[in-house]
Protein backbone atom coordinates (compact mmCIF):
# COMPACT_ATOMS: atom_id res chain seq x y z
CA MET A 1 -13.72 109.49 -29.53
CA GLU A 2 -15.41 109.72 -26.35
CA LEU A 3 -17.83 112.38 -24.76
CA GLU A 4 -15.88 114.74 -22.70
CA LEU A 5 -17.06 117.44 -20.20
CA PHE A 6 -15.58 120.79 -20.81
CA ILE A 7 -15.94 124.19 -19.34
CA LEU A 8 -15.47 127.66 -20.87
CA PHE A 9 -14.64 130.25 -18.64
CA MET A 10 -15.79 133.74 -19.88
CA VAL A 11 -17.47 137.03 -19.42
CA VAL A 12 -20.42 134.86 -20.18
CA LEU A 13 -20.28 131.48 -18.31
CA TYR A 14 -20.33 128.83 -20.53
CA VAL A 15 -20.90 125.08 -19.33
CA PHE A 16 -21.19 122.29 -21.99
CA THR A 17 -20.44 118.53 -22.81
CA ALA A 18 -18.72 118.11 -26.07
CA ALA A 19 -16.97 115.73 -28.57
CA CYS A 20 -14.40 117.95 -29.72
CA LEU A 21 -11.16 117.93 -31.89
CA CYS A 22 -8.48 120.57 -31.68
CA TYR A 23 -7.57 122.90 -34.56
CA ALA A 24 -4.52 121.22 -36.49
CA SER A 25 -2.85 123.81 -38.63
CA GLY A 26 0.26 123.53 -36.52
CA PHE A 27 2.68 126.52 -35.53
CA PRO A 28 4.62 128.62 -38.02
CA GLY A 29 8.00 127.81 -38.61
CA SER A 30 9.42 130.91 -36.37
CA MET A 31 7.76 129.10 -33.50
CA GLU A 32 10.77 127.58 -31.43
CA GLU A 33 10.21 124.32 -29.58
CA VAL A 34 11.59 125.64 -26.48
CA GLU A 35 8.39 128.18 -26.22
CA VAL A 36 6.24 125.05 -26.61
CA LEU A 37 8.20 123.49 -23.55
CA LYS A 38 7.90 126.56 -21.46
CA HIS A 39 4.14 126.46 -22.17
CA LEU A 40 3.90 123.08 -21.12
CA ASN A 41 5.44 123.88 -17.83
CA ARG A 42 3.17 126.98 -17.04
CA LEU A 43 0.24 124.41 -17.93
CA ASN A 44 1.19 121.19 -16.25
CA LYS A 45 1.71 121.67 -12.51
CA PRO A 46 3.58 119.40 -10.31
CA PRO A 47 1.32 116.55 -9.25
CA VAL A 48 1.12 114.82 -6.09
CA LYS A 49 -0.22 111.76 -8.03
CA SER A 50 -0.83 110.84 -11.46
CA ILE A 51 -3.52 108.39 -12.96
CA LYS A 52 -3.36 106.86 -16.28
CA SER A 53 -6.97 106.88 -17.86
CA PRO A 54 -7.74 104.13 -20.30
CA ASP A 55 -8.41 106.58 -23.18
CA GLY A 56 -4.92 107.56 -22.89
CA ASP A 57 -5.30 110.92 -20.92
CA ILE A 58 -3.03 111.58 -17.74
CA ILE A 59 -4.78 112.89 -14.81
CA ASP A 60 -2.38 114.71 -12.46
CA CYS A 61 -3.81 115.27 -9.18
CA VAL A 62 -2.43 119.05 -8.26
CA HIS A 63 -2.53 120.38 -4.80
CA ILE A 64 -5.57 122.55 -4.83
CA SER A 65 -3.70 125.77 -4.09
CA HIS A 66 -1.42 125.19 -7.00
CA GLN A 67 -4.13 124.92 -9.62
CA PRO A 68 -3.86 127.11 -12.81
CA ALA A 69 -6.51 129.68 -11.42
CA PHE A 70 -4.01 131.14 -9.02
CA ASP A 71 -1.62 132.14 -11.90
CA HIS A 72 -3.91 135.22 -12.52
CA PRO A 73 -2.45 138.12 -10.77
CA LEU A 74 -5.74 139.00 -9.32
CA LEU A 75 -5.97 135.76 -7.45
CA LYS A 76 -2.35 135.65 -5.93
CA ASN A 77 -3.70 136.30 -2.53
CA HIS A 78 -6.99 134.55 -3.20
CA THR A 79 -8.61 132.60 -0.08
CA ILE A 80 -10.35 129.45 -1.39
CA LYS A 81 -13.90 128.80 -0.74
CA MET A 82 -14.53 125.22 -0.36
CA ARG A 83 -18.34 125.36 -0.23
CA PRO A 84 -21.25 127.58 -1.28
CA SER A 85 -22.79 129.76 1.51
CA ASP A 86 -26.45 128.84 0.23
CA HIS A 87 -27.88 126.82 -2.47
CA PRO A 88 -30.94 127.64 -4.78
CA ASN A 89 -34.46 126.55 -3.22
CA TRP A 90 -35.72 123.81 -5.24
CA ILE A 91 -39.53 124.04 -6.31
CA LYS A 92 -39.53 120.93 -8.69
CA ASP A 93 -37.93 119.31 -11.78
CA SER A 94 -40.56 118.95 -14.71
CA ASN A 95 -40.00 115.86 -16.56
CA ILE A 96 -40.67 114.86 -19.77
CA LYS A 97 -41.17 111.45 -20.41
CA ILE A 98 -37.59 110.21 -20.91
CA ASN A 99 -36.04 107.77 -18.76
CA ALA A 100 -32.44 108.38 -18.25
CA SER A 101 -30.12 106.44 -16.11
CA LYS A 102 -27.94 108.17 -14.00
CA VAL A 103 -24.64 105.88 -13.64
CA ILE A 104 -22.31 108.55 -15.07
CA THR A 105 -18.65 108.18 -14.33
CA GLN A 106 -15.06 109.19 -15.99
CA LEU A 107 -12.88 106.81 -17.38
CA TRP A 108 -10.13 107.40 -15.42
CA HIS A 109 -11.99 106.77 -12.17
CA SER A 110 -11.36 102.92 -12.85
CA ASN A 111 -7.84 103.30 -12.34
CA GLY A 112 -7.54 105.45 -9.00
CA LYS A 113 -8.90 108.56 -7.42
CA CYS A 114 -7.27 111.99 -6.46
CA PRO A 115 -6.34 112.44 -2.58
CA THR A 116 -8.12 114.71 -0.75
CA GLY A 117 -6.70 118.35 -0.94
CA THR A 118 -6.06 117.93 -4.78
CA ILE A 119 -7.81 118.37 -7.97
CA PRO A 120 -7.65 116.33 -10.86
CA ILE A 121 -6.23 118.02 -14.13
CA ILE A 122 -5.61 116.44 -17.34
CA ARG A 123 -2.08 116.76 -18.43
CA THR A 124 -1.33 118.79 -21.54
CA LYS A 125 0.97 117.03 -24.10
CA LYS A 126 3.19 118.87 -26.57
CA GLU A 127 1.06 117.27 -29.57
CA ASP A 128 -2.18 119.03 -27.79
CA ILE A 129 -0.37 122.39 -28.33
CA LEU A 130 1.12 121.74 -31.72
CA ARG A 131 -2.29 121.13 -32.87
CA ALA A 132 -3.40 124.74 -31.97
CA ASP A 133 -3.00 127.42 -34.75
CA SER A 134 -0.76 129.34 -32.40
CA LEU A 135 0.72 129.06 -29.14
CA LYS A 136 -1.32 132.24 -27.79
CA ASN A 137 -4.66 130.65 -29.00
CA TYR A 138 -4.17 127.29 -27.51
CA GLY A 139 -7.30 126.26 -25.50
CA LYS A 140 -9.12 129.51 -25.99
CA LYS A 141 -12.40 130.25 -27.30
CA LYS A 142 -12.84 132.35 -30.36
CA LYS A 143 -14.05 135.85 -29.44
CA LYS A 144 -17.81 136.76 -29.94
CA ILE A 145 -19.34 140.09 -29.30
CA PHE A 146 -23.00 140.31 -27.82
CA HIS A 147 -24.57 143.77 -28.21
CA VAL A 148 -26.95 145.37 -25.79
CA ALA A 149 -30.82 144.41 -26.82
CA GLN A 150 -29.68 142.01 -29.47
CA PRO A 151 -30.10 138.12 -29.15
CA SER A 152 -26.94 136.24 -29.00
CA PHE A 153 -25.82 133.89 -31.79
CA THR A 154 -27.82 135.52 -34.50
CA GLY A 155 -25.76 134.24 -37.39
CA PRO A 156 -22.99 132.00 -38.40
CA LEU A 157 -19.53 133.14 -37.06
CA ASN A 158 -16.24 131.95 -38.44
CA GLY A 159 -18.03 128.76 -39.52
CA HIS A 160 -20.23 128.55 -36.06
CA GLU A 161 -23.90 126.99 -36.50
CA TYR A 162 -26.34 126.89 -33.76
CA ALA A 163 -29.76 125.36 -32.73
CA HIS A 164 -30.67 126.73 -29.34
CA ALA A 165 -33.20 128.62 -27.33
CA GLN A 166 -32.95 131.81 -25.22
CA THR A 167 -34.51 134.25 -22.86
CA GLY A 168 -35.21 137.71 -23.29
CA ARG A 169 -33.63 140.15 -21.44
CA GLY A 170 -34.17 139.82 -17.49
CA ASN A 171 -32.48 139.32 -14.27
CA PHE A 172 -30.95 136.17 -13.79
CA TYR A 173 -29.22 134.73 -10.80
CA GLY A 174 -28.18 131.24 -12.21
CA ALA A 175 -29.58 128.55 -14.58
CA LYS A 176 -30.02 124.86 -14.32
CA ALA A 177 -30.52 122.29 -17.20
CA THR A 178 -30.17 118.54 -17.89
CA PHE A 179 -28.27 117.57 -20.72
CA ASN A 180 -28.61 114.42 -22.77
CA LEU A 181 -25.15 112.65 -23.15
CA TRP A 182 -24.36 111.26 -26.92
CA ASN A 183 -21.10 110.78 -28.69
CA PRO A 184 -21.59 112.82 -31.98
CA MET A 185 -19.28 112.21 -34.95
CA VAL A 186 -17.07 115.19 -35.79
CA GLN A 187 -15.65 114.95 -39.40
CA GLU A 188 -12.56 117.46 -39.40
CA GLU A 189 -9.76 117.75 -36.60
CA ASN A 190 -10.59 121.72 -36.50
CA GLU A 191 -14.26 121.15 -36.06
CA PHE A 192 -16.22 120.41 -32.93
CA SER A 193 -19.84 119.68 -31.70
CA LEU A 194 -21.04 120.65 -28.13
CA SER A 195 -24.02 121.51 -26.01
CA GLN A 196 -24.18 124.32 -23.88
CA LEU A 197 -25.61 126.59 -21.02
CA CYS A 198 -24.75 130.11 -21.20
CA GLU A 199 -25.29 133.08 -19.12
CA GLU A 200 -24.56 136.59 -20.52
CA SER A 201 -24.19 140.05 -19.64
CA ASP A 202 -25.22 142.83 -22.09
CA GLY A 203 -23.14 144.36 -24.32
CA TYR A 204 -19.62 142.42 -23.80
CA GLN A 205 -17.07 140.90 -26.07
CA THR A 206 -16.61 137.45 -24.95
CA THR A 207 -13.55 135.32 -24.86
CA GLY A 208 -11.93 132.55 -22.56
CA CYS A 209 -10.71 129.13 -22.42
CA TYR A 210 -11.88 125.62 -22.46
CA ASP A 211 -11.14 123.64 -19.27
CA LEU A 212 -8.41 124.78 -16.98
CA LYS A 213 -6.29 126.19 -19.83
CA CYS A 214 -6.63 129.70 -18.45
CA SER A 215 -6.46 130.86 -15.02
CA GLY A 216 -9.97 131.86 -13.77
CA PHE A 217 -12.19 129.12 -12.52
CA VAL A 218 -11.32 127.78 -9.06
CA GLN A 219 -12.01 124.17 -8.62
CA THR A 220 -12.78 122.36 -5.24
CA ASN A 221 -13.78 118.96 -6.22
CA ASN A 222 -11.27 116.14 -6.30
CA GLU A 223 -13.32 113.51 -8.19
CA ILE A 224 -14.37 115.48 -11.78
CA ALA A 225 -11.41 116.06 -14.30
CA ILE A 226 -12.76 119.07 -16.24
CA GLY A 227 -12.36 117.76 -20.13
CA GLY A 228 -12.49 114.19 -19.05
CA SER A 229 -14.12 111.43 -21.03
CA ILE A 230 -17.71 110.58 -19.61
CA SER A 231 -19.31 107.25 -19.82
CA PRO A 232 -21.62 105.87 -20.68
CA THR A 233 -23.28 107.92 -23.36
CA SER A 234 -26.83 107.29 -24.77
CA GLN A 235 -27.96 104.85 -27.59
CA VAL A 236 -30.75 105.55 -30.40
CA ASP A 237 -33.80 103.30 -28.88
CA GLY A 238 -31.73 102.40 -26.12
CA SER A 239 -30.50 103.58 -22.73
CA GLN A 240 -30.50 107.40 -22.24
CA TYR A 241 -27.98 109.06 -20.13
CA ASP A 242 -27.65 112.52 -19.00
CA ILE A 243 -26.03 115.01 -16.58
CA THR A 244 -27.71 118.09 -14.69
CA ILE A 245 -25.83 121.28 -14.60
CA LEU A 246 -26.28 124.26 -11.99
CA ILE A 247 -24.83 127.58 -12.00
CA TRP A 248 -25.93 130.17 -9.43
CA LYS A 249 -24.80 133.50 -7.72
CA ASP A 250 -23.59 133.16 -4.16
CA THR A 251 -24.84 136.30 -3.41
CA ARG A 252 -23.00 136.49 0.27
CA GLN A 253 -19.73 135.24 -1.44
CA GLY A 254 -20.24 137.33 -4.81
CA VAL A 255 -18.86 134.32 -6.78
CA TRP A 256 -20.46 132.11 -9.15
CA TRP A 257 -20.73 128.37 -8.30
CA MET A 258 -20.97 125.19 -10.63
CA GLN A 259 -22.58 122.03 -9.69
CA VAL A 260 -22.85 118.88 -11.70
CA ASP A 261 -25.03 115.93 -10.88
CA GLY A 262 -25.34 117.42 -7.43
CA LYS A 263 -21.62 117.64 -6.91
CA VAL A 264 -20.22 121.04 -6.56
CA ILE A 265 -17.22 121.57 -8.81
CA GLY A 266 -15.96 125.21 -8.00
CA TYR A 267 -16.50 128.69 -8.80
CA TRP A 268 -15.63 131.78 -10.76
CA PRO A 269 -14.26 134.47 -8.51
CA ALA A 270 -16.03 137.94 -8.64
CA SER A 271 -13.01 139.80 -9.09
CA LEU A 272 -12.46 138.18 -12.44
CA PHE A 273 -15.82 138.13 -13.67
CA TRP A 274 -17.18 141.64 -12.78
CA TYR A 275 -19.43 141.74 -15.80
CA LEU A 276 -21.44 139.48 -13.99
CA SER A 277 -21.14 140.97 -10.54
CA GLU A 278 -24.84 141.40 -10.10
CA ARG A 279 -26.62 139.38 -12.21
CA ALA A 280 -26.85 137.79 -15.97
CA SER A 281 -29.31 139.59 -18.43
CA HIS A 282 -29.89 136.68 -20.68
CA LEU A 283 -29.85 132.79 -20.70
CA ASP A 284 -29.13 130.62 -23.76
CA PHE A 285 -29.19 126.60 -23.86
CA GLY A 286 -28.55 124.57 -26.92
CA GLY A 287 -25.86 123.11 -29.60
CA GLU A 288 -23.08 124.62 -31.51
CA ILE A 289 -21.02 123.25 -34.18
CA VAL A 290 -18.15 124.40 -36.52
CA ASN A 291 -18.46 123.83 -40.01
CA ARG A 292 -15.20 124.39 -41.79
CA GLY A 293 -16.84 123.98 -45.23
CA LEU A 294 -14.17 121.99 -46.98
CA GLY A 295 -14.55 121.32 -50.70
CA GLY A 296 -17.38 123.74 -50.58
CA GLN A 297 -19.66 121.44 -49.03
CA HIS A 298 -21.20 121.54 -45.49
CA THR A 299 -19.65 119.44 -42.86
CA MET A 300 -21.00 115.95 -41.79
CA THR A 301 -20.36 116.92 -38.15
CA GLN A 302 -23.30 115.90 -35.99
CA MET A 303 -24.97 118.09 -33.45
CA GLY A 304 -26.79 116.30 -30.59
CA ASN A 305 -26.43 112.67 -31.94
CA GLY A 306 -27.05 113.56 -35.52
CA HIS A 307 -30.72 113.11 -35.70
CA PHE A 308 -33.07 115.76 -36.43
CA PRO A 309 -35.31 116.92 -33.27
CA GLN A 310 -38.37 115.93 -34.97
CA GLU A 311 -37.38 112.13 -34.34
CA GLY A 312 -38.27 112.90 -30.73
CA ALA A 313 -37.55 110.96 -27.35
CA GLY A 314 -35.21 108.08 -27.82
CA LYS A 315 -33.89 109.29 -31.13
CA ALA A 316 -33.05 112.98 -30.81
CA SER A 317 -30.80 114.75 -28.22
CA TYR A 318 -32.77 116.63 -25.60
CA ILE A 319 -32.07 119.45 -23.03
CA LYS A 320 -34.87 119.30 -20.38
CA ASP A 321 -35.83 120.67 -16.99
CA ILE A 322 -34.57 123.97 -17.95
CA GLN A 323 -34.90 126.45 -14.99
CA SER A 324 -33.45 129.96 -13.95
CA VAL A 325 -32.61 131.14 -10.51
CA ASP A 326 -34.34 134.41 -9.36
CA GLU A 327 -33.59 137.05 -7.04
CA SER A 328 -35.08 135.28 -4.03
CA ASN A 329 -32.60 132.34 -4.86
CA THR A 330 -35.21 130.05 -5.90
CA LEU A 331 -35.29 127.73 -9.08
CA ARG A 332 -38.34 128.50 -11.56
CA ASP A 333 -38.90 126.74 -14.61
CA LEU A 334 -38.12 128.49 -18.00
CA ARG A 335 -40.92 128.22 -20.40
CA ASP A 336 -40.74 131.40 -22.24
CA LEU A 337 -37.78 130.62 -24.10
CA THR A 338 -37.31 131.44 -28.05
CA ALA A 339 -35.99 128.86 -30.32
CA MET A 340 -33.49 129.80 -33.05
CA THR A 341 -31.36 128.12 -35.94
CA SER A 342 -28.51 129.63 -37.52
CA PRO A 343 -28.05 129.57 -40.59
CA SER A 344 -30.56 126.87 -41.66
CA LYS A 345 -33.09 124.26 -40.31
CA SER A 346 -31.95 121.92 -43.15
CA CYS A 347 -28.61 121.01 -41.33
CA TYR A 348 -29.55 121.46 -37.81
CA ASP A 349 -32.74 122.16 -36.01
CA ILE A 350 -34.45 122.65 -32.91
CA VAL A 351 -38.10 121.68 -31.95
CA LYS A 352 -39.82 123.46 -28.74
CA ASN A 353 -43.44 123.39 -28.00
CA ASP A 354 -44.92 126.54 -26.42
CA ASN A 355 -45.27 126.39 -22.45
CA GLU A 356 -42.47 123.61 -22.20
CA ASN A 357 -39.26 123.87 -20.43
CA HIS A 358 -37.62 121.31 -22.63
CA PHE A 359 -36.55 120.83 -26.32
CA PHE A 360 -35.24 118.34 -28.69
CA PHE A 361 -32.11 119.64 -31.00
CA GLY A 362 -29.51 118.30 -33.42
CA GLY A 363 -29.01 117.13 -37.07
CA PRO A 364 -26.51 115.41 -39.29
CA GLY A 365 -25.12 118.26 -40.88
CA ARG A 366 -24.66 117.50 -44.76
CA ASN A 367 -27.58 115.82 -46.36
CA GLN A 368 -29.77 116.16 -49.55
CA ASN A 369 -31.21 119.26 -48.12
CA CYS A 370 -27.97 120.78 -46.86
CA PRO A 371 -25.54 119.98 -49.49
């Protein structure tokens, strides 16, 4: 299982790296195969070129104006923005003493690249859809509800467990963080493990999609396949690899842009994400897993790299250089973050010292203290 780059398009903007296996219950008997094929035809746009990845994925190079975003009725006459009108002002990057290599690529790059004017999209296969619990829910994130004046992720939801750090309520115009890359073990096909950056607006139900499986995110980059395998990944007591993700509000254009390791990937149009039309009210960073609790036991799915955060640099997973974008479009270190675990520190944990804008997190799941 390779590490993959995913994006979740929501009222809250999620971006996360994840090792993820899809839900595997299959469809009810009444679901006809013709409906699956119709859905495949909607998802898979006619490619200009196709590339076979060493991990088995097929990357379709789709014309930028034919991407799934424009299936949305509000984007039928949308004019694509190819670049931001401005970027946040960089103050500094605060480093913890971790020497991370920066030679990150995606596996499909070894077999070709997408032409200018196209974007790379992973082709959806019939078996991918059949692993979903229903055709309607394929590729979608389970719904959560965030209430005004309450922190997000206050408890387990449908088996979801968290180790994360969040801000209090404020006015945020973007966020930036550097994520340590690992390849966590996922025990069951209907579980996942991820790291995420989240921007939230008060009081809205959240739902959305993984990757480009729903219309909404407009991709402009022809090098990064969202959902594609990332290589290499970190090793305990060995080489450390990470990626830096930045999301910010372009106040002139009214859209939210995303950048990964200095490359602008695309944006969320303001017409779809009106809940964040002005700003975000909370920021959240950390890990999430799904625990199905089969046989009455806690899952052994790993968060981070499966090591507890107390083990520190080189052994535990980190998120560092955590910053927010303020109203003057300037990046500021975020040090006043509240660390939380839910439901128990015995399975997964987080370690953050006061006045630091980084933390370690993770854990092995089931162990002698987490039966």
